[in-house]
């Protein structure tokens, strides 16, 4: 009985440490537009849309939409914490239509580079490495 209790306590401590250390950098997106947004993660072998990742689509009008670090890890796999992952941003839940920006980031440091698509009608502001805001800048239609 003591042994089982010790294992349960040890497992609880390990899970607590993992949740505070491994998954400590969520990406927070504010979408001040009337379109859902999603990203296509660029990999050498795949260009998967984040519509398949939990919370990978930021709904239109969403404020402080959280994408947990574990979901970012899943989307960028096999990239390591410090390696650059690239995402193409779309104003569509299924990565359809033209991209509005290219974003480079790492799991550890957040967004390191942002290249907006000229005349897309949208702007992306990076408040800090893990806090991103999407705004509509004109009436140019994406769809």
N, C-alpha and C. Protein backbone atom coordinates (compact mmCIF):
# COMPACT_ATOMS: atom_id res chain seq x y z
N UNK A 1 0.82 -1.20 0.00
CA UNK A 1 0.00 0.00 0.00
C UNK A 1 0.87 1.26 0.00
N UNK A 2 1.94 1.26 0.84
CA UNK A 2 2.84 2.40 0.88
C UNK A 2 3.52 2.61 -0.46
N UNK A 3 3.90 1.51 -1.10
CA UNK A 3 4.57 1.57 -2.39
C UNK A 3 3.67 2.21 -3.45
N UNK A 4 2.40 1.81 -3.48
CA UNK A 4 1.44 2.35 -4.44
C UNK A 4 1.23 3.85 -4.21
N UNK A 5 1.15 4.24 -2.95
CA UNK A 5 0.96 5.65 -2.60
C UNK A 5 2.17 6.48 -3.04
N UNK A 6 3.37 5.92 -2.85
CA UNK A 6 4.60 6.59 -3.26
C UNK A 6 4.63 6.80 -4.78
N UNK A 7 4.23 5.77 -5.52
CA UNK A 7 4.20 5.87 -6.98
C UNK A 7 3.20 6.94 -7.42
N UNK A 8 2.03 6.97 -6.82
CA UNK A 8 1.02 7.97 -7.18
C UNK A 8 1.51 9.39 -6.89
N UNK A 9 2.16 9.59 -5.76
CA UNK A 9 2.69 10.92 -5.41
C UNK A 9 3.81 11.33 -6.37
N UNK A 10 4.68 10.38 -6.69
CA UNK A 10 5.78 10.66 -7.62
C UNK A 10 5.23 11.02 -9.00
N UNK A 11 4.24 10.26 -9.46
CA UNK A 11 3.63 10.55 -10.77
C UNK A 11 2.98 11.93 -10.78
N UNK A 12 2.31 12.30 -9.70
CA UNK A 12 1.67 13.61 -9.61
C UNK A 12 2.71 14.73 -9.66
N UNK A 13 3.82 14.55 -8.99
CA UNK A 13 4.89 15.55 -9.00
C UNK A 13 5.48 15.69 -10.40
N UNK A 14 5.74 14.56 -11.06
CA UNK A 14 6.31 14.60 -12.41
C UNK A 14 5.36 15.29 -13.38
N UNK A 15 4.07 14.95 -13.33
CA UNK A 15 3.09 15.58 -14.21
C UNK A 15 2.98 17.08 -13.94
N UNK A 16 3.05 17.46 -12.67
CA UNK A 16 3.02 18.87 -12.31
C UNK A 16 4.20 19.62 -12.87
N UNK A 17 5.36 19.03 -12.81
CA UNK A 17 6.57 19.65 -13.35
C UNK A 17 6.49 19.76 -14.86
N UNK A 18 6.01 18.71 -15.52
CA UNK A 18 5.89 18.75 -16.97
C UNK A 18 4.93 19.84 -17.42
N UNK A 19 3.82 19.98 -16.73
CA UNK A 19 2.83 20.96 -17.16
C UNK A 19 3.33 22.38 -16.96
N UNK A 20 4.22 22.63 -16.01
CA UNK A 20 4.71 23.99 -15.80
C UNK A 20 5.98 24.28 -16.57
N UNK A 21 6.76 23.26 -16.91
CA UNK A 21 8.02 23.51 -17.59
C UNK A 21 7.97 23.23 -19.09
N UNK A 22 7.47 22.08 -19.48
CA UNK A 22 7.49 21.70 -20.88
C UNK A 22 6.48 22.50 -21.69
N UNK A 23 5.30 22.72 -21.16
CA UNK A 23 4.26 23.41 -21.90
C UNK A 23 4.01 24.79 -21.31
N UNK A 24 5.06 25.60 -21.25
CA UNK A 24 4.95 26.90 -20.60
C UNK A 24 4.85 28.08 -21.55
N UNK A 25 4.93 27.85 -22.87
CA UNK A 25 4.91 28.95 -23.82
C UNK A 25 3.75 28.83 -24.80
N UNK A 26 2.54 29.14 -24.37
CA UNK A 26 1.43 29.09 -25.33
C UNK A 26 1.50 30.28 -26.27
N UNK A 27 0.97 30.12 -27.45
CA UNK A 27 0.84 31.21 -28.41
C UNK A 27 -0.55 31.80 -28.20
N UNK A 28 -0.63 33.12 -28.04
CA UNK A 28 -1.91 33.80 -27.80
C UNK A 28 -2.20 34.68 -29.01
N UNK A 29 -3.33 34.41 -29.68
CA UNK A 29 -3.67 35.14 -30.90
C UNK A 29 -4.98 35.89 -30.70
N UNK A 30 -4.97 37.17 -31.07
CA UNK A 30 -6.18 37.98 -31.12
C UNK A 30 -6.50 38.20 -32.59
N UNK A 31 -7.70 37.84 -33.01
CA UNK A 31 -8.10 37.96 -34.41
C UNK A 31 -9.19 39.03 -34.50
N UNK A 32 -8.78 40.25 -34.78
CA UNK A 32 -9.72 41.38 -34.90
C UNK A 32 -10.28 41.50 -36.31
N UNK A 33 -10.71 40.37 -36.88
CA UNK A 33 -11.25 40.37 -38.24
C UNK A 33 -12.56 39.60 -38.26
N UNK A 34 -13.19 39.57 -39.43
CA UNK A 34 -14.42 38.80 -39.58
C UNK A 34 -14.19 37.48 -40.31
N UNK A 35 -12.93 37.01 -40.33
CA UNK A 35 -12.57 35.72 -40.92
C UNK A 35 -11.80 34.89 -39.90
N UNK A 36 -12.05 33.58 -39.90
CA UNK A 36 -11.22 32.68 -39.10
C UNK A 36 -9.81 32.70 -39.69
N UNK A 37 -8.82 32.37 -38.86
CA UNK A 37 -7.46 32.27 -39.38
C UNK A 37 -6.85 30.93 -39.01
N UNK A 38 -5.96 30.46 -39.88
CA UNK A 38 -5.23 29.22 -39.65
C UNK A 38 -3.87 29.37 -40.34
N UNK A 39 -2.99 28.44 -40.07
CA UNK A 39 -1.64 28.48 -40.64
C UNK A 39 -1.33 27.17 -41.34
N UNK A 40 -0.49 27.27 -42.32
CA UNK A 40 0.06 26.08 -42.97
C UNK A 40 1.51 25.99 -42.51
N UNK A 41 1.83 24.94 -41.77
CA UNK A 41 3.18 24.75 -41.27
C UNK A 41 4.03 24.20 -42.40
N UNK A 42 5.14 24.87 -42.70
CA UNK A 42 6.00 24.50 -43.82
C UNK A 42 7.04 23.50 -43.33
N UNK A 43 7.03 22.34 -43.93
CA UNK A 43 8.02 21.30 -43.65
C UNK A 43 8.54 20.79 -44.98
N UNK A 44 9.65 20.12 -44.94
CA UNK A 44 10.21 19.60 -46.19
C UNK A 44 9.33 18.52 -46.80
N UNK A 45 8.60 17.79 -45.97
CA UNK A 45 7.79 16.69 -46.47
C UNK A 45 6.29 16.94 -46.39
N UNK A 46 5.87 18.04 -45.80
CA UNK A 46 4.44 18.27 -45.61
C UNK A 46 4.16 19.76 -45.44
N UNK A 47 2.99 20.16 -45.83
CA UNK A 47 2.52 21.53 -45.58
C UNK A 47 1.13 21.42 -44.98
N UNK A 48 1.09 20.89 -43.76
CA UNK A 48 -0.18 20.61 -43.09
C UNK A 48 -0.81 21.87 -42.53
N UNK A 49 -2.12 22.00 -42.69
CA UNK A 49 -2.86 23.12 -42.13
C UNK A 49 -3.13 22.87 -40.65
N UNK A 50 -3.11 23.94 -39.87
CA UNK A 50 -3.34 23.80 -38.43
C UNK A 50 -4.81 23.53 -38.09
N UNK A 51 -5.66 23.40 -39.10
CA UNK A 51 -7.06 23.05 -38.81
C UNK A 51 -7.18 21.64 -38.24
N UNK A 52 -6.10 20.86 -38.32
CA UNK A 52 -6.10 19.51 -37.76
C UNK A 52 -5.50 19.46 -36.35
N UNK A 53 -4.99 20.59 -35.87
CA UNK A 53 -4.36 20.67 -34.55
C UNK A 53 -5.39 21.23 -33.56
N UNK A 54 -5.48 20.69 -32.35
CA UNK A 54 -6.42 21.24 -31.37
C UNK A 54 -6.21 22.75 -31.17
N UNK A 55 -7.27 23.52 -31.26
CA UNK A 55 -7.25 25.00 -31.16
C UNK A 55 -6.40 25.64 -32.25
N UNK A 56 -6.15 24.95 -33.35
CA UNK A 56 -5.30 25.46 -34.42
C UNK A 56 -5.95 26.48 -35.32
N UNK A 57 -7.26 26.68 -35.18
CA UNK A 57 -7.97 27.70 -35.94
C UNK A 57 -8.38 28.79 -34.95
N UNK A 58 -8.04 30.04 -35.28
CA UNK A 58 -8.44 31.16 -34.43
C UNK A 58 -9.72 31.75 -35.01
N UNK A 59 -10.83 31.64 -34.29
CA UNK A 59 -12.11 32.13 -34.81
C UNK A 59 -12.11 33.64 -35.05
N UNK A 60 -12.92 34.08 -36.02
CA UNK A 60 -13.09 35.50 -36.27
C UNK A 60 -13.50 36.20 -34.98
N UNK A 61 -12.88 37.33 -34.68
CA UNK A 61 -13.21 38.11 -33.49
C UNK A 61 -12.67 37.57 -32.18
N UNK A 62 -11.94 36.46 -32.22
CA UNK A 62 -11.43 35.86 -30.98
C UNK A 62 -10.40 36.77 -30.31
N UNK A 63 -10.53 36.91 -29.01
CA UNK A 63 -9.59 37.69 -28.21
C UNK A 63 -8.80 36.74 -27.33
N UNK A 64 -7.48 36.81 -27.41
CA UNK A 64 -6.59 35.99 -26.59
C UNK A 64 -6.86 34.49 -26.74
N UNK A 65 -6.95 34.04 -27.98
CA UNK A 65 -7.13 32.62 -28.30
C UNK A 65 -5.81 31.89 -28.01
N UNK A 66 -5.85 30.92 -27.13
CA UNK A 66 -4.63 30.25 -26.67
C UNK A 66 -4.41 28.96 -27.47
N UNK A 67 -3.20 28.84 -28.01
CA UNK A 67 -2.74 27.60 -28.63
C UNK A 67 -1.61 27.11 -27.75
N UNK A 68 -1.86 26.03 -27.04
CA UNK A 68 -0.91 25.51 -26.06
C UNK A 68 0.39 25.08 -26.74
N UNK A 69 1.47 25.17 -25.99
CA UNK A 69 2.78 24.79 -26.51
C UNK A 69 2.79 23.36 -27.04
N UNK A 70 2.09 22.46 -26.37
CA UNK A 70 2.04 21.07 -26.84
C UNK A 70 1.46 20.96 -28.24
N UNK A 71 0.47 21.79 -28.56
CA UNK A 71 -0.12 21.79 -29.90
C UNK A 71 0.84 22.40 -30.93
N UNK A 72 1.63 23.39 -30.49
CA UNK A 72 2.64 23.97 -31.38
C UNK A 72 3.71 22.93 -31.67
N UNK A 73 4.12 22.20 -30.64
CA UNK A 73 5.11 21.13 -30.81
C UNK A 73 4.60 20.10 -31.82
N UNK A 74 3.32 19.73 -31.69
CA UNK A 74 2.73 18.74 -32.58
C UNK A 74 2.75 19.25 -34.03
N UNK A 75 2.40 20.51 -34.23
CA UNK A 75 2.36 21.07 -35.58
C UNK A 75 3.75 21.20 -36.19
N UNK A 76 4.75 21.53 -35.39
CA UNK A 76 6.11 21.76 -35.90
C UNK A 76 7.00 20.52 -35.88
N UNK A 77 6.51 19.43 -35.31
CA UNK A 77 7.32 18.22 -35.24
C UNK A 77 7.93 17.90 -36.60
N UNK A 78 9.19 17.58 -36.71
CA UNK A 78 10.15 17.16 -35.69
C UNK A 78 11.09 18.27 -35.22
N UNK A 79 10.72 19.54 -35.41
CA UNK A 79 11.59 20.64 -34.98
C UNK A 79 11.81 20.60 -33.47
N UNK A 80 13.00 21.00 -33.06
CA UNK A 80 13.35 21.06 -31.64
C UNK A 80 13.02 22.47 -31.12
N UNK A 81 13.07 22.66 -29.80
CA UNK A 81 12.70 23.92 -29.15
C UNK A 81 13.33 25.16 -29.78
N UNK A 82 14.61 25.10 -30.08
CA UNK A 82 15.33 26.28 -30.57
C UNK A 82 15.34 26.40 -32.09
N UNK A 83 14.86 25.38 -32.80
CA UNK A 83 14.87 25.41 -34.26
C UNK A 83 13.69 26.22 -34.80
N UNK A 84 13.91 26.84 -35.95
CA UNK A 84 12.89 27.68 -36.56
C UNK A 84 11.83 26.85 -37.28
N UNK A 85 10.59 27.18 -37.01
CA UNK A 85 9.44 26.58 -37.67
C UNK A 85 8.80 27.72 -38.48
N UNK A 86 8.34 27.43 -39.68
CA UNK A 86 7.72 28.47 -40.50
C UNK A 86 6.25 28.16 -40.73
N UNK A 87 5.43 29.19 -40.66
CA UNK A 87 4.00 29.05 -40.89
C UNK A 87 3.52 30.11 -41.87
N UNK A 88 2.69 29.73 -42.81
CA UNK A 88 2.04 30.66 -43.72
C UNK A 88 0.65 30.91 -43.15
N UNK A 89 0.29 32.18 -42.98
CA UNK A 89 -0.97 32.54 -42.32
C UNK A 89 -2.04 32.81 -43.37
N UNK A 90 -3.22 32.24 -43.12
CA UNK A 90 -4.37 32.39 -44.01
C UNK A 90 -5.57 32.91 -43.22
N UNK A 91 -6.42 33.67 -43.86
CA UNK A 91 -7.66 34.13 -43.24
C UNK A 91 -8.79 33.21 -43.69
N UNK A 92 -8.60 31.93 -43.40
CA UNK A 92 -9.55 30.88 -43.72
C UNK A 92 -9.25 29.71 -42.79
N UNK A 93 -10.26 29.08 -42.27
CA UNK A 93 -10.09 27.99 -41.30
C UNK A 93 -9.40 26.75 -41.89
N UNK A 94 -9.34 26.65 -43.21
CA UNK A 94 -8.75 25.47 -43.84
C UNK A 94 -7.57 25.82 -44.74
N UNK A 95 -6.95 26.97 -44.50
CA UNK A 95 -5.76 27.41 -45.24
C UNK A 95 -6.01 27.55 -46.74
N UNK A 96 -7.20 28.00 -47.09
CA UNK A 96 -7.53 28.24 -48.49
C UNK A 96 -7.30 29.71 -48.80
N UNK A 97 -7.23 30.03 -50.08
CA UNK A 97 -7.05 31.42 -50.48
C UNK A 97 -5.60 31.85 -50.35
N UNK A 98 -5.34 33.12 -50.60
CA UNK A 98 -3.96 33.61 -50.54
C UNK A 98 -3.48 33.76 -49.09
N UNK A 99 -2.19 33.60 -48.91
CA UNK A 99 -1.61 33.80 -47.57
C UNK A 99 -1.48 35.29 -47.30
N UNK A 100 -1.57 35.66 -46.02
CA UNK A 100 -1.44 37.07 -45.66
C UNK A 100 -0.08 37.38 -45.03
N UNK A 101 0.66 36.33 -44.64
CA UNK A 101 1.99 36.55 -44.07
C UNK A 101 2.72 35.23 -43.91
N UNK A 102 4.02 35.36 -43.75
CA UNK A 102 4.87 34.23 -43.39
C UNK A 102 5.47 34.56 -42.03
N UNK A 103 5.40 33.60 -41.11
CA UNK A 103 5.88 33.82 -39.75
C UNK A 103 6.90 32.74 -39.42
N UNK A 104 8.05 33.16 -38.89
CA UNK A 104 9.06 32.20 -38.42
C UNK A 104 9.13 32.32 -36.91
N UNK A 105 9.20 31.16 -36.25
CA UNK A 105 9.19 31.15 -34.79
C UNK A 105 9.87 29.90 -34.28
N UNK A 106 10.19 29.93 -33.00
CA UNK A 106 10.67 28.72 -32.35
C UNK A 106 9.79 28.46 -31.14
N UNK A 107 9.75 27.22 -30.72
CA UNK A 107 8.93 26.85 -29.57
C UNK A 107 9.44 27.55 -28.31
N UNK A 108 10.75 27.74 -28.24
CA UNK A 108 11.36 28.35 -27.06
C UNK A 108 11.22 29.87 -27.02
N UNK A 109 11.41 30.54 -28.17
CA UNK A 109 11.49 32.00 -28.20
C UNK A 109 10.30 32.71 -28.81
N UNK A 110 9.40 31.98 -29.45
CA UNK A 110 8.26 32.61 -30.09
C UNK A 110 8.61 33.16 -31.46
N UNK A 111 7.85 34.15 -31.92
CA UNK A 111 8.02 34.72 -33.27
C UNK A 111 9.33 35.48 -33.37
N UNK A 112 10.12 35.14 -34.39
CA UNK A 112 11.40 35.82 -34.63
C UNK A 112 11.39 36.62 -35.92
N UNK A 113 10.48 36.30 -36.83
CA UNK A 113 10.45 37.00 -38.11
C UNK A 113 9.03 36.97 -38.66
N UNK A 114 8.59 38.09 -39.20
CA UNK A 114 7.26 38.22 -39.77
C UNK A 114 7.39 38.92 -41.11
N UNK A 115 6.90 38.29 -42.17
CA UNK A 115 6.92 38.89 -43.50
C UNK A 115 5.48 38.98 -44.01
N UNK A 116 4.87 40.17 -43.94
CA UNK A 116 3.50 40.31 -44.42
C UNK A 116 3.44 40.25 -45.95
N UNK A 117 2.32 39.77 -46.46
CA UNK A 117 2.09 39.77 -47.90
C UNK A 117 1.57 41.15 -48.27
N UNK A 118 2.26 41.86 -49.19
CA UNK A 118 1.81 43.21 -49.56
C UNK A 118 0.37 43.21 -50.09
N UNK A 119 -0.38 44.23 -49.73
CA UNK A 119 -1.74 44.44 -50.21
C UNK A 119 -2.71 43.30 -49.90
N UNK A 120 -2.47 42.59 -48.82
CA UNK A 120 -3.37 41.48 -48.45
C UNK A 120 -4.65 41.99 -47.80
N UNK A 121 -4.60 43.23 -47.26
CA UNK A 121 -5.76 43.77 -46.56
C UNK A 121 -5.73 43.47 -45.07
N UNK A 122 -4.65 42.82 -44.60
CA UNK A 122 -4.52 42.46 -43.19
C UNK A 122 -3.12 42.80 -42.69
N UNK A 123 -3.03 43.03 -41.39
CA UNK A 123 -1.72 43.23 -40.77
C UNK A 123 -1.61 42.30 -39.57
N UNK A 124 -0.40 41.91 -39.27
CA UNK A 124 -0.13 41.08 -38.10
C UNK A 124 0.89 41.82 -37.26
N UNK A 125 0.57 41.97 -35.99
CA UNK A 125 1.46 42.64 -35.04
C UNK A 125 1.90 41.60 -34.02
N UNK A 126 3.19 41.57 -33.76
CA UNK A 126 3.73 40.68 -32.73
C UNK A 126 4.03 41.55 -31.52
N UNK A 127 3.21 41.40 -30.47
CA UNK A 127 3.39 42.20 -29.25
C UNK A 127 4.62 41.75 -28.48
N UNK A 128 4.80 40.46 -28.38
CA UNK A 128 6.02 39.85 -27.86
C UNK A 128 6.10 38.51 -28.56
N UNK A 129 7.06 37.71 -28.28
CA UNK A 129 7.26 36.47 -29.02
C UNK A 129 6.08 35.55 -29.09
N UNK A 130 5.19 35.60 -28.09
CA UNK A 130 4.08 34.66 -28.03
C UNK A 130 2.71 35.32 -28.03
N UNK A 131 2.62 36.59 -28.41
CA UNK A 131 1.36 37.32 -28.40
C UNK A 131 1.20 38.02 -29.74
N UNK A 132 0.24 37.55 -30.55
CA UNK A 132 0.08 38.01 -31.93
C UNK A 132 -1.33 38.58 -32.12
N UNK A 133 -1.42 39.69 -32.88
CA UNK A 133 -2.70 40.33 -33.17
C UNK A 133 -2.86 40.45 -34.68
N UNK A 134 -4.02 40.00 -35.20
CA UNK A 134 -4.33 40.13 -36.63
C UNK A 134 -5.41 41.19 -36.77
N UNK A 135 -5.16 42.16 -37.64
CA UNK A 135 -6.11 43.25 -37.89
C UNK A 135 -6.41 43.35 -39.38
N UNK A 136 -7.60 43.82 -39.69
CA UNK A 136 -7.95 44.13 -41.08
C UNK A 136 -7.50 45.56 -41.33
N UNK A 137 -6.85 45.78 -42.48
CA UNK A 137 -6.34 47.12 -42.76
C UNK A 137 -7.08 47.82 -43.89
N UNK A 138 -7.79 47.07 -44.72
CA UNK A 138 -8.52 47.68 -45.84
C UNK A 138 -9.68 46.78 -46.25
N UNK A 139 -10.34 47.16 -47.30
CA UNK A 139 -11.49 46.37 -47.77
C UNK A 139 -11.10 45.36 -48.84
N UNK A 140 -9.81 45.12 -49.03
CA UNK A 140 -9.39 44.12 -50.03
C UNK A 140 -9.90 42.75 -49.59
N UNK A 141 -10.59 42.07 -50.48
CA UNK A 141 -11.18 40.77 -50.13
C UNK A 141 -10.14 39.66 -50.23
N UNK A 142 -10.15 38.77 -49.26
CA UNK A 142 -9.26 37.62 -49.28
C UNK A 142 -9.90 36.46 -50.03
N UNK A 143 -11.18 36.28 -49.89
CA UNK A 143 -11.84 35.13 -50.53
C UNK A 143 -12.28 35.45 -51.92
